[in-house]
Amino acid sequence: MTTEEYQDVVELLTAQHEQIKDLFAQLKSGNGDKQQLFTELVRLLAVHESAEEEVVHPIAARAQFGADHLVAERLEEENEAKQALAELYSLGVDHPDFDTELAGFAEAVTAHATHEENEEFSLLRRQYSATQLEHMAGSVRAAEAIAPTRPHPHTGESALANLLTGPPLALFDRTRDAVREWHRKSDK
């Protein structure tokens, strides 16, 4: 068995938070292909947030009395992030305002990740066993496998909205990604 098979949901999501922060740092530094880095950031954020909304937030809301308020705050932050990410995506990496807008977005996403880690993830660790947290990681991976790869801010941030709209949007996004990748490779 691989280490990933023993990884719990908190470890999985925290590792993804680190990947996201690393992509922000790479984009800020100007090292590497800016479009490729931003495309990876968009994909990771869209998949990550969708899986959290489907799996993690509903479980955290049920974990303890009053936790639904905590989760509502995270969902509001995620909805704002979807809007901002969609705007950045529309703006494009070559726009003169992109770097400034990205810096503000990175700050908000980092603050959101800190809130999740300190509040929601701590709650999960207190309320669920190691085995339950490992099973949640498996559920998150399954949700990520069928999640959209682009922000779709008008679809909502509830688990039900993600379950109803996620798979068709994911199919569309992944088809679009494959066509763009094919064009990128054929243009070389």
N, C-alpha and C. Protein backbone atom coordinates (compact mmCIF):
# COMPACT_ATOMS: atom_id res chain seq x y z
N MET A 1 0.84 -1.19 0.00
CA MET A 1 0.00 0.00 0.00
C MET A 1 0.88 1.24 0.00
N THR A 2 0.42 2.26 -0.69
CA THR A 2 1.18 3.50 -0.76
C THR A 2 0.87 4.38 0.44
N THR A 3 1.72 5.37 0.65
CA THR A 3 1.51 6.34 1.73
C THR A 3 0.17 7.05 1.54
N GLU A 4 -0.19 7.33 0.28
CA GLU A 4 -1.44 8.02 -0.02
C GLU A 4 -2.65 7.24 0.49
N GLU A 5 -2.56 5.91 0.47
CA GLU A 5 -3.68 5.10 0.94
C GLU A 5 -3.91 5.25 2.44
N TYR A 6 -2.87 5.62 3.17
CA TYR A 6 -2.98 5.82 4.62
C TYR A 6 -3.19 7.29 4.98
N GLN A 7 -3.16 8.15 4.01
CA GLN A 7 -3.30 9.58 4.25
C GLN A 7 -4.74 9.88 4.67
N ASP A 8 -4.88 10.69 5.71
CA ASP A 8 -6.24 11.05 6.10
C ASP A 8 -6.66 12.33 5.41
N VAL A 9 -7.92 12.70 5.57
CA VAL A 9 -8.48 13.83 4.85
C VAL A 9 -7.78 15.14 5.20
N VAL A 10 -7.40 15.30 6.46
CA VAL A 10 -6.72 16.53 6.86
C VAL A 10 -5.34 16.61 6.22
N GLU A 11 -4.62 15.51 6.22
CA GLU A 11 -3.30 15.48 5.57
C GLU A 11 -3.42 15.76 4.07
N LEU A 12 -4.40 15.14 3.43
CA LEU A 12 -4.62 15.33 1.99
C LEU A 12 -4.90 16.79 1.66
N LEU A 13 -5.86 17.38 2.37
CA LEU A 13 -6.25 18.76 2.06
C LEU A 13 -5.16 19.76 2.45
N THR A 14 -4.46 19.50 3.54
CA THR A 14 -3.36 20.38 3.94
C THR A 14 -2.24 20.32 2.90
N ALA A 15 -1.95 19.15 2.38
CA ALA A 15 -0.94 19.02 1.32
C ALA A 15 -1.36 19.79 0.07
N GLN A 16 -2.65 19.75 -0.23
CA GLN A 16 -3.14 20.52 -1.38
C GLN A 16 -3.03 22.02 -1.12
N HIS A 17 -3.29 22.44 0.12
CA HIS A 17 -3.10 23.85 0.46
C HIS A 17 -1.66 24.27 0.20
N GLU A 18 -0.72 23.41 0.54
CA GLU A 18 0.70 23.71 0.31
C GLU A 18 1.01 23.78 -1.18
N GLN A 19 0.41 22.89 -1.98
CA GLN A 19 0.59 22.94 -3.44
C GLN A 19 0.06 24.27 -3.99
N ILE A 20 -1.08 24.69 -3.50
CA ILE A 20 -1.69 25.94 -3.95
C ILE A 20 -0.78 27.12 -3.60
N LYS A 21 -0.28 27.15 -2.38
CA LYS A 21 0.63 28.23 -1.96
C LYS A 21 1.90 28.22 -2.81
N ASP A 22 2.40 27.03 -3.13
CA ASP A 22 3.59 26.92 -3.96
C ASP A 22 3.33 27.47 -5.36
N LEU A 23 2.17 27.16 -5.92
CA LEU A 23 1.84 27.69 -7.25
C LEU A 23 1.73 29.22 -7.22
N PHE A 24 1.14 29.77 -6.15
CA PHE A 24 1.10 31.23 -6.02
C PHE A 24 2.51 31.80 -5.98
N ALA A 25 3.39 31.17 -5.22
CA ALA A 25 4.78 31.65 -5.11
C ALA A 25 5.49 31.58 -6.46
N GLN A 26 5.30 30.50 -7.20
CA GLN A 26 5.92 30.37 -8.51
C GLN A 26 5.40 31.44 -9.47
N LEU A 27 4.10 31.69 -9.43
CA LEU A 27 3.53 32.73 -10.29
C LEU A 27 4.08 34.10 -9.92
N LYS A 28 4.21 34.36 -8.63
CA LYS A 28 4.73 35.65 -8.17
C LYS A 28 6.19 35.84 -8.58
N SER A 29 6.97 34.77 -8.51
CA SER A 29 8.40 34.85 -8.82
C SER A 29 8.67 35.08 -10.30
N GLY A 30 7.73 34.70 -11.14
CA GLY A 30 7.93 34.87 -12.58
C GLY A 30 8.74 33.74 -13.20
N ASN A 31 9.10 32.74 -12.41
CA ASN A 31 9.84 31.59 -12.94
C ASN A 31 8.86 30.57 -13.48
N GLY A 32 9.13 30.09 -14.67
CA GLY A 32 8.27 29.08 -15.27
C GLY A 32 7.26 29.68 -16.23
N ASP A 33 6.53 28.82 -16.87
CA ASP A 33 5.51 29.20 -17.83
C ASP A 33 4.28 29.71 -17.07
N LYS A 34 4.05 31.01 -17.15
CA LYS A 34 2.98 31.65 -16.38
C LYS A 34 1.61 31.06 -16.69
N GLN A 35 1.33 30.84 -17.97
CA GLN A 35 0.03 30.28 -18.36
C GLN A 35 -0.13 28.88 -17.82
N GLN A 36 0.91 28.07 -17.94
CA GLN A 36 0.83 26.69 -17.47
C GLN A 36 0.65 26.65 -15.94
N LEU A 37 1.39 27.49 -15.21
CA LEU A 37 1.25 27.54 -13.76
C LEU A 37 -0.15 27.98 -13.35
N PHE A 38 -0.67 29.00 -14.04
CA PHE A 38 -2.00 29.49 -13.70
C PHE A 38 -3.06 28.44 -14.03
N THR A 39 -2.91 27.75 -15.14
CA THR A 39 -3.85 26.69 -15.51
C THR A 39 -3.86 25.60 -14.45
N GLU A 40 -2.68 25.23 -13.95
CA GLU A 40 -2.59 24.22 -12.89
C GLU A 40 -3.24 24.74 -11.60
N LEU A 41 -3.02 26.00 -11.28
CA LEU A 41 -3.63 26.60 -10.09
C LEU A 41 -5.15 26.58 -10.19
N VAL A 42 -5.68 26.98 -11.33
CA VAL A 42 -7.13 27.00 -11.55
C VAL A 42 -7.69 25.59 -11.38
N ARG A 43 -7.05 24.61 -12.00
CA ARG A 43 -7.52 23.23 -11.91
C ARG A 43 -7.52 22.74 -10.47
N LEU A 44 -6.41 22.96 -9.79
CA LEU A 44 -6.29 22.48 -8.41
C LEU A 44 -7.31 23.14 -7.50
N LEU A 45 -7.48 24.44 -7.62
CA LEU A 45 -8.46 25.14 -6.78
C LEU A 45 -9.88 24.68 -7.07
N ALA A 46 -10.23 24.55 -8.33
CA ALA A 46 -11.60 24.15 -8.69
C ALA A 46 -11.91 22.75 -8.17
N VAL A 47 -11.00 21.83 -8.36
CA VAL A 47 -11.20 20.44 -7.93
C VAL A 47 -11.22 20.36 -6.40
N HIS A 48 -10.29 21.03 -5.76
CA HIS A 48 -10.16 21.03 -4.30
C HIS A 48 -11.42 21.58 -3.63
N GLU A 49 -11.86 22.74 -4.07
CA GLU A 49 -13.03 23.37 -3.44
C GLU A 49 -14.30 22.56 -3.70
N SER A 50 -14.43 22.02 -4.88
CA SER A 50 -15.61 21.21 -5.18
C SER A 50 -15.68 20.00 -4.26
N ALA A 51 -14.56 19.32 -4.07
CA ALA A 51 -14.53 18.14 -3.19
C ALA A 51 -14.79 18.53 -1.74
N GLU A 52 -14.25 19.65 -1.30
CA GLU A 52 -14.53 20.10 0.06
C GLU A 52 -16.02 20.36 0.25
N GLU A 53 -16.63 21.00 -0.74
CA GLU A 53 -18.05 21.33 -0.63
C GLU A 53 -18.93 20.08 -0.64
N GLU A 54 -18.51 19.05 -1.37
CA GLU A 54 -19.30 17.82 -1.44
C GLU A 54 -19.10 16.92 -0.22
N VAL A 55 -17.88 16.85 0.28
CA VAL A 55 -17.55 15.86 1.30
C VAL A 55 -17.27 16.49 2.66
N VAL A 56 -16.30 17.36 2.72
CA VAL A 56 -15.75 17.81 4.00
C VAL A 56 -16.70 18.73 4.75
N HIS A 57 -17.19 19.76 4.09
CA HIS A 57 -18.04 20.73 4.79
C HIS A 57 -19.31 20.10 5.37
N PRO A 58 -20.02 19.24 4.63
CA PRO A 58 -21.21 18.62 5.24
C PRO A 58 -20.87 17.77 6.47
N ILE A 59 -19.76 17.07 6.42
CA ILE A 59 -19.35 16.24 7.56
C ILE A 59 -18.96 17.14 8.74
N ALA A 60 -18.22 18.19 8.47
CA ALA A 60 -17.82 19.11 9.54
C ALA A 60 -19.04 19.79 10.17
N ALA A 61 -20.02 20.14 9.35
CA ALA A 61 -21.22 20.80 9.88
C ALA A 61 -21.98 19.90 10.84
N ARG A 62 -21.92 18.59 10.61
CA ARG A 62 -22.61 17.63 11.49
C ARG A 62 -21.76 17.21 12.69
N ALA A 63 -20.49 17.55 12.67
CA ALA A 63 -19.56 17.04 13.68
C ALA A 63 -19.84 17.57 15.08
N GLN A 64 -20.31 18.78 15.17
CA GLN A 64 -20.47 19.40 16.49
C GLN A 64 -21.54 20.47 16.41
N PHE A 65 -22.29 20.63 17.47
CA PHE A 65 -23.32 21.67 17.52
C PHE A 65 -22.66 23.03 17.28
N GLY A 66 -23.21 23.81 16.39
CA GLY A 66 -22.68 25.13 16.09
C GLY A 66 -21.66 25.16 14.97
N ALA A 67 -21.21 24.00 14.53
CA ALA A 67 -20.19 23.95 13.48
C ALA A 67 -20.76 24.40 12.13
N ASP A 68 -22.07 24.35 11.97
CA ASP A 68 -22.66 24.78 10.70
C ASP A 68 -22.37 26.26 10.43
N HIS A 69 -22.25 27.07 11.47
CA HIS A 69 -21.88 28.49 11.31
C HIS A 69 -20.45 28.61 10.78
N LEU A 70 -19.56 27.82 11.33
CA LEU A 70 -18.17 27.79 10.90
C LEU A 70 -18.08 27.39 9.43
N VAL A 71 -18.82 26.37 9.04
CA VAL A 71 -18.83 25.90 7.67
C VAL A 71 -19.44 26.95 6.74
N ALA A 72 -20.48 27.62 7.19
CA ALA A 72 -21.10 28.67 6.37
C ALA A 72 -20.10 29.76 6.04
N GLU A 73 -19.25 30.11 6.99
CA GLU A 73 -18.21 31.13 6.73
C GLU A 73 -17.24 30.64 5.67
N ARG A 74 -16.83 29.37 5.74
CA ARG A 74 -15.90 28.82 4.75
C ARG A 74 -16.56 28.78 3.37
N LEU A 75 -17.84 28.42 3.32
CA LEU A 75 -18.55 28.38 2.04
C LEU A 75 -18.66 29.77 1.43
N GLU A 76 -18.88 30.77 2.25
CA GLU A 76 -18.95 32.14 1.75
C GLU A 76 -17.59 32.55 1.16
N GLU A 77 -16.52 32.22 1.87
CA GLU A 77 -15.18 32.52 1.35
C GLU A 77 -14.93 31.79 0.03
N GLU A 78 -15.36 30.55 -0.05
CA GLU A 78 -15.16 29.77 -1.27
C GLU A 78 -15.96 30.34 -2.43
N ASN A 79 -17.17 30.80 -2.16
CA ASN A 79 -17.96 31.42 -3.22
C ASN A 79 -17.29 32.68 -3.73
N GLU A 80 -16.78 33.50 -2.82
CA GLU A 80 -16.04 34.70 -3.22
C GLU A 80 -14.80 34.33 -4.03
N ALA A 81 -14.13 33.26 -3.63
CA ALA A 81 -12.93 32.81 -4.35
C ALA A 81 -13.28 32.33 -5.75
N LYS A 82 -14.41 31.63 -5.89
CA LYS A 82 -14.84 31.19 -7.22
C LYS A 82 -15.06 32.39 -8.14
N GLN A 83 -15.72 33.41 -7.59
CA GLN A 83 -15.97 34.63 -8.38
C GLN A 83 -14.65 35.26 -8.81
N ALA A 84 -13.73 35.42 -7.85
CA ALA A 84 -12.44 36.05 -8.13
C ALA A 84 -11.62 35.22 -9.12
N LEU A 85 -11.64 33.91 -8.96
CA LEU A 85 -10.89 33.05 -9.86
C LEU A 85 -11.46 33.10 -11.27
N ALA A 86 -12.77 33.13 -11.38
CA ALA A 86 -13.40 33.25 -12.71
C ALA A 86 -13.02 34.57 -13.35
N GLU A 87 -12.96 35.64 -12.56
CA GLU A 87 -12.55 36.94 -13.11
C GLU A 87 -11.09 36.92 -13.55
N LEU A 88 -10.22 36.31 -12.75
CA LEU A 88 -8.81 36.19 -13.13
C LEU A 88 -8.66 35.36 -14.40
N TYR A 89 -9.42 34.29 -14.48
CA TYR A 89 -9.38 33.42 -15.65
C TYR A 89 -9.78 34.20 -16.90
N SER A 90 -10.84 35.01 -16.77
CA SER A 90 -11.30 35.83 -17.89
C SER A 90 -10.28 36.91 -18.25
N LEU A 91 -9.64 37.46 -17.23
CA LEU A 91 -8.65 38.51 -17.43
C LEU A 91 -7.48 37.99 -18.25
N GLY A 92 -6.98 36.83 -17.88
CA GLY A 92 -5.85 36.23 -18.59
C GLY A 92 -4.51 36.68 -18.04
N VAL A 93 -3.53 35.81 -18.14
CA VAL A 93 -2.21 36.07 -17.54
C VAL A 93 -1.45 37.21 -18.19
N ASP A 94 -1.82 37.60 -19.40
CA ASP A 94 -1.11 38.67 -20.09
C ASP A 94 -1.69 40.05 -19.83
N HIS A 95 -2.80 40.12 -19.14
CA HIS A 95 -3.42 41.41 -18.84
C HIS A 95 -2.55 42.19 -17.86
N PRO A 96 -2.42 43.50 -18.03
CA PRO A 96 -1.55 44.29 -17.15
C PRO A 96 -1.96 44.27 -15.67
N ASP A 97 -3.23 44.02 -15.37
CA ASP A 97 -3.70 43.98 -13.98
C ASP A 97 -3.63 42.59 -13.36
N PHE A 98 -3.24 41.59 -14.14
CA PHE A 98 -3.29 40.21 -13.66
C PHE A 98 -2.48 40.01 -12.38
N ASP A 99 -1.24 40.45 -12.37
CA ASP A 99 -0.37 40.20 -11.22
C ASP A 99 -0.90 40.84 -9.94
N THR A 100 -1.43 42.04 -10.06
CA THR A 100 -2.00 42.73 -8.89
C THR A 100 -3.24 42.01 -8.39
N GLU A 101 -4.11 41.63 -9.30
CA GLU A 101 -5.33 40.90 -8.93
C GLU A 101 -4.98 39.53 -8.34
N LEU A 102 -3.98 38.87 -8.92
CA LEU A 102 -3.56 37.57 -8.42
C LEU A 102 -3.02 37.68 -6.99
N ALA A 103 -2.27 38.74 -6.70
CA ALA A 103 -1.70 38.93 -5.36
C ALA A 103 -2.81 39.05 -4.31
N GLY A 104 -3.84 39.83 -4.62
CA GLY A 104 -4.97 39.96 -3.69
C GLY A 104 -5.71 38.64 -3.52
N PHE A 105 -5.87 37.93 -4.61
CA PHE A 105 -6.54 36.63 -4.58
C PHE A 105 -5.73 35.63 -3.74
N ALA A 106 -4.42 35.63 -3.93
CA ALA A 106 -3.55 34.71 -3.18
C ALA A 106 -3.66 34.98 -1.68
N GLU A 107 -3.73 36.23 -1.31
CA GLU A 107 -3.86 36.58 0.11
C GLU A 107 -5.18 36.04 0.69
N ALA A 108 -6.26 36.20 -0.05
CA ALA A 108 -7.57 35.73 0.41
C ALA A 108 -7.60 34.20 0.49
N VAL A 109 -7.04 33.52 -0.49
CA VAL A 109 -7.03 32.06 -0.50
C VAL A 109 -6.18 31.52 0.65
N THR A 110 -5.05 32.16 0.90
CA THR A 110 -4.18 31.73 2.00
C THR A 110 -4.88 31.92 3.35
N ALA A 111 -5.58 33.03 3.51
CA ALA A 111 -6.33 33.26 4.76
C ALA A 111 -7.43 32.20 4.91
N HIS A 112 -8.10 31.88 3.82
CA HIS A 112 -9.15 30.85 3.84
C HIS A 112 -8.56 29.49 4.26
N ALA A 113 -7.43 29.13 3.68
CA ALA A 113 -6.79 27.86 4.01
C ALA A 113 -6.41 27.82 5.49
N THR A 114 -5.91 28.93 6.01
CA THR A 114 -5.55 29.00 7.43
C THR A 114 -6.77 28.81 8.31
N HIS A 115 -7.90 29.44 7.95
CA HIS A 115 -9.14 29.25 8.70
C HIS A 115 -9.57 27.78 8.69
N GLU A 116 -9.52 27.16 7.52
CA GLU A 116 -9.90 25.75 7.43
C GLU A 116 -9.01 24.88 8.32
N GLU A 117 -7.71 25.09 8.22
CA GLU A 117 -6.77 24.25 8.96
C GLU A 117 -6.93 24.43 10.47
N ASN A 118 -7.08 25.68 10.91
CA ASN A 118 -7.16 25.95 12.35
C ASN A 118 -8.51 25.63 12.96
N GLU A 119 -9.57 25.76 12.20
CA GLU A 119 -10.90 25.59 12.75
C GLU A 119 -11.56 24.28 12.30
N GLU A 120 -11.81 24.18 11.01
CA GLU A 120 -12.56 23.04 10.50
C GLU A 120 -11.76 21.73 10.58
N PHE A 121 -10.50 21.76 10.18
CA PHE A 121 -9.71 20.54 10.22
C PHE A 121 -9.45 20.10 11.66
N SER A 122 -9.26 21.06 12.55
CA SER A 122 -9.10 20.72 13.97
C SER A 122 -10.36 20.05 14.51
N LEU A 123 -11.50 20.54 14.11
CA LEU A 123 -12.77 19.94 14.51
C LEU A 123 -12.87 18.50 14.01
N LEU A 124 -12.49 18.28 12.77
CA LEU A 124 -12.54 16.92 12.22
C LEU A 124 -11.63 15.98 13.02
N ARG A 125 -10.44 16.44 13.35
CA ARG A 125 -9.50 15.61 14.13
C ARG A 125 -10.06 15.27 15.51
N ARG A 126 -10.77 16.22 16.12
CA ARG A 126 -11.33 15.97 17.45
C ARG A 126 -12.53 15.03 17.41
N GLN A 127 -13.29 15.07 16.35
CA GLN A 127 -14.57 14.36 16.32
C GLN A 127 -14.54 13.00 15.63
N TYR A 128 -13.53 12.74 14.83
CA TYR A 128 -13.53 11.50 14.05
C TYR A 128 -12.25 10.70 14.29
N SER A 129 -12.38 9.39 14.16
CA SER A 129 -11.24 8.49 14.35
C SER A 129 -10.30 8.55 13.14
N ALA A 130 -9.10 8.01 13.32
CA ALA A 130 -8.12 7.96 12.23
C ALA A 130 -8.69 7.20 11.03
N THR A 131 -9.39 6.11 11.30
CA THR A 131 -9.99 5.32 10.22
C THR A 131 -11.06 6.12 9.48
N GLN A 132 -11.89 6.83 10.22
CA GLN A 132 -12.92 7.66 9.58
C GLN A 132 -12.29 8.75 8.73
N LEU A 133 -11.23 9.37 9.22
CA LEU A 133 -10.55 10.42 8.46
C LEU A 133 -9.89 9.87 7.20
N GLU A 134 -9.38 8.63 7.26
CA GLU A 134 -8.82 7.99 6.07
C GLU A 134 -9.92 7.70 5.05
N HIS A 135 -11.08 7.26 5.52
CA HIS A 135 -12.21 7.02 4.62
C HIS A 135 -12.68 8.32 3.97
N MET A 136 -12.67 9.41 4.74
CA MET A 136 -13.04 10.71 4.18
C MET A 136 -12.07 11.11 3.07
N ALA A 137 -10.78 10.80 3.23
CA ALA A 137 -9.80 11.11 2.19
C ALA A 137 -10.15 10.37 0.91
N GLY A 138 -10.57 9.12 1.04
CA GLY A 138 -11.00 8.36 -0.14
C GLY A 138 -12.21 8.99 -0.81
N SER A 139 -13.14 9.49 -0.01
CA SER A 139 -14.32 10.17 -0.56
C SER A 139 -13.92 11.46 -1.26
N VAL A 140 -12.97 12.19 -0.69
CA VAL A 140 -12.49 13.43 -1.32
C VAL A 140 -11.83 13.11 -2.66
N ARG A 141 -11.00 12.08 -2.70
CA ARG A 141 -10.34 11.71 -3.96
C ARG A 141 -11.37 11.33 -5.03
N ALA A 142 -12.41 10.61 -4.62
CA ALA A 142 -13.47 10.23 -5.57
C ALA A 142 -14.20 11.47 -6.08
N ALA A 143 -14.49 12.40 -5.19
CA ALA A 143 -15.16 13.64 -5.61
C ALA A 143 -14.27 14.45 -6.54
N GLU A 144 -12.98 14.48 -6.26
CA GLU A 144 -12.04 15.23 -7.11
C GLU A 144 -11.96 14.63 -8.52
N ALA A 145 -12.11 13.31 -8.61
CA ALA A 145 -12.01 12.64 -9.90
C ALA A 145 -13.12 13.06 -10.86
N ILE A 146 -14.25 13.50 -10.33
CA ILE A 146 -15.37 13.90 -11.19
C ILE A 146 -15.71 15.38 -11.05
N ALA A 147 -14.81 16.15 -10.46
CA ALA A 147 -15.06 17.57 -10.23
C ALA A 147 -14.71 18.40 -11.46
N PRO A 148 -15.38 19.53 -11.65
CA PRO A 148 -15.01 20.46 -12.72
C PRO A 148 -13.57 20.95 -12.52
N THR A 149 -12.92 21.31 -13.61
CA THR A 149 -11.55 21.80 -13.54
C THR A 149 -11.46 23.32 -13.73
N ARG A 150 -12.59 23.97 -13.76
CA ARG A 150 -12.67 25.43 -13.88
C ARG A 150 -13.68 25.93 -12.86
N PRO A 151 -13.55 27.19 -12.45
CA PRO A 151 -14.55 27.73 -11.52
C PRO A 151 -15.88 27.95 -12.24
N HIS A 152 -16.94 27.60 -11.58
CA HIS A 152 -18.30 27.83 -12.09
C HIS A 152 -19.09 28.48 -10.96
N PRO A 153 -18.86 29.79 -10.74
CA PRO A 153 -19.42 30.45 -9.56
C PRO A 153 -20.94 30.52 -9.51
N HIS A 154 -21.60 30.34 -10.61
CA HIS A 154 -23.06 30.48 -10.60
C HIS A 154 -23.77 29.16 -10.30
N THR A 155 -23.01 28.11 -10.06
CA THR A 155 -23.63 26.82 -9.77
C THR A 155 -23.92 26.62 -8.30
N GLY A 156 -23.38 27.45 -7.43
CA GLY A 156 -23.59 27.32 -6.00
C GLY A 156 -22.46 26.57 -5.34
N GLU A 157 -22.50 26.58 -4.00
CA GLU A 157 -21.41 25.93 -3.27
C GLU A 157 -21.89 24.83 -2.33
N SER A 158 -23.11 24.39 -2.48
CA SER A 158 -23.60 23.33 -1.61
C SER A 158 -23.20 21.97 -2.16
N ALA A 159 -23.27 20.96 -1.30
CA ALA A 159 -22.97 19.59 -1.72
C ALA A 159 -23.94 19.17 -2.83
N LEU A 160 -25.22 19.50 -2.67
CA LEU A 160 -26.23 19.11 -3.66
C LEU A 160 -25.95 19.78 -5.01
N ALA A 161 -25.63 21.08 -4.99
CA ALA A 161 -25.32 21.78 -6.24
C ALA A 161 -24.13 21.14 -6.94
N ASN A 162 -23.11 20.79 -6.17
CA ASN A 162 -21.93 20.15 -6.76
C ASN A 162 -22.26 18.77 -7.31
N LEU A 163 -23.09 18.01 -6.62
CA LEU A 163 -23.44 16.68 -7.09
C LEU A 163 -24.28 16.72 -8.36
N LEU A 164 -25.14 17.72 -8.47
CA LEU A 164 -26.00 17.83 -9.65
C LEU A 164 -25.29 18.42 -10.86
N THR A 165 -24.51 19.46 -10.64
CA THR A 165 -23.88 20.16 -11.77
C THR A 165 -22.44 19.75 -12.00
N GLY A 166 -21.78 19.20 -10.98
CA GLY A 166 -20.36 18.88 -11.09
C GLY A 166 -20.00 17.93 -12.21
N PRO A 167 -20.62 16.73 -12.27
CA PRO A 167 -20.22 15.78 -13.32
C PRO A 167 -20.39 16.31 -14.76
N PRO A 168 -21.54 16.94 -15.11
CA PRO A 168 -21.62 17.44 -16.49
C PRO A 168 -20.59 18.55 -16.77
N LEU A 169 -20.39 19.45 -15.78
CA LEU A 169 -19.40 20.50 -15.96
C LEU A 169 -17.99 19.92 -16.03
N ALA A 170 -17.73 18.90 -15.25
CA ALA A 170 -16.41 18.26 -15.28
C ALA A 170 -16.15 17.64 -16.64
N LEU A 171 -17.14 16.98 -17.19
CA LEU A 171 -16.99 16.39 -18.52
C LEU A 171 -16.68 17.47 -19.55
N PHE A 172 -17.42 18.56 -19.49
CA PHE A 172 -17.18 19.68 -20.41
C PHE A 172 -15.77 20.25 -20.20
N ASP A 173 -15.41 20.51 -18.94
CA ASP A 173 -14.10 21.09 -18.64
C ASP A 173 -12.96 20.17 -19.09
N ARG A 174 -13.08 18.90 -18.79
CA ARG A 174 -12.01 17.96 -19.12
C ARG A 174 -11.88 17.76 -20.63
N THR A 175 -12.99 17.81 -21.34
CA THR A 175 -12.94 17.74 -22.80
C THR A 175 -12.26 18.99 -23.34
N ARG A 176 -12.64 20.13 -22.83
CA ARG A 176 -12.01 21.39 -23.24
C ARG A 176 -10.52 21.38 -22.92
N ASP A 177 -10.14 20.88 -21.74
CA ASP A 177 -8.73 20.79 -21.36
C ASP A 177 -7.96 19.91 -22.36
N ALA A 178 -8.54 18.78 -22.72
CA ALA A 178 -7.87 17.86 -23.64
C ALA A 178 -7.69 18.49 -25.02
N VAL A 179 -8.70 19.20 -25.51
CA VAL A 179 -8.60 19.86 -26.81
C VAL A 179 -7.54 20.96 -26.76
N ARG A 180 -7.52 21.75 -25.71
CA ARG A 180 -6.51 22.81 -25.58
C ARG A 180 -5.11 22.22 -25.50
N GLU A 181 -4.96 21.13 -24.76
CA GLU A 181 -3.65 20.48 -24.65
C GLU A 181 -3.21 19.94 -26.01
N TRP A 182 -4.13 19.35 -26.75
CA TRP A 182 -3.82 18.84 -28.08
C TRP A 182 -3.37 20.00 -28.99
N HIS A 183 -4.09 21.12 -28.95
CA HIS A 183 -3.72 22.29 -29.75
C HIS A 183 -2.34 22.82 -29.34
N ARG A 184 -2.09 22.88 -28.05
CA ARG A 184 -0.82 23.39 -27.55
C ARG A 184 0.32 22.51 -28.06
N LYS A 185 0.15 21.19 -28.00
CA LYS A 185 1.20 20.28 -28.45
C LYS A 185 1.36 20.30 -29.97
N SER A 186 0.26 20.46 -30.69
CA SER A 186 0.35 20.45 -32.16
C SER A 186 0.91 21.76 -32.71
N ASP A 187 0.87 22.83 -31.92
CA ASP A 187 1.42 24.11 -32.35
C ASP A 187 2.94 24.19 -32.21
N LYS A 188 3.53 23.20 -31.54
CA LYS A 188 5.00 23.22 -31.32
C LYS A 188 5.74 22.75 -32.52
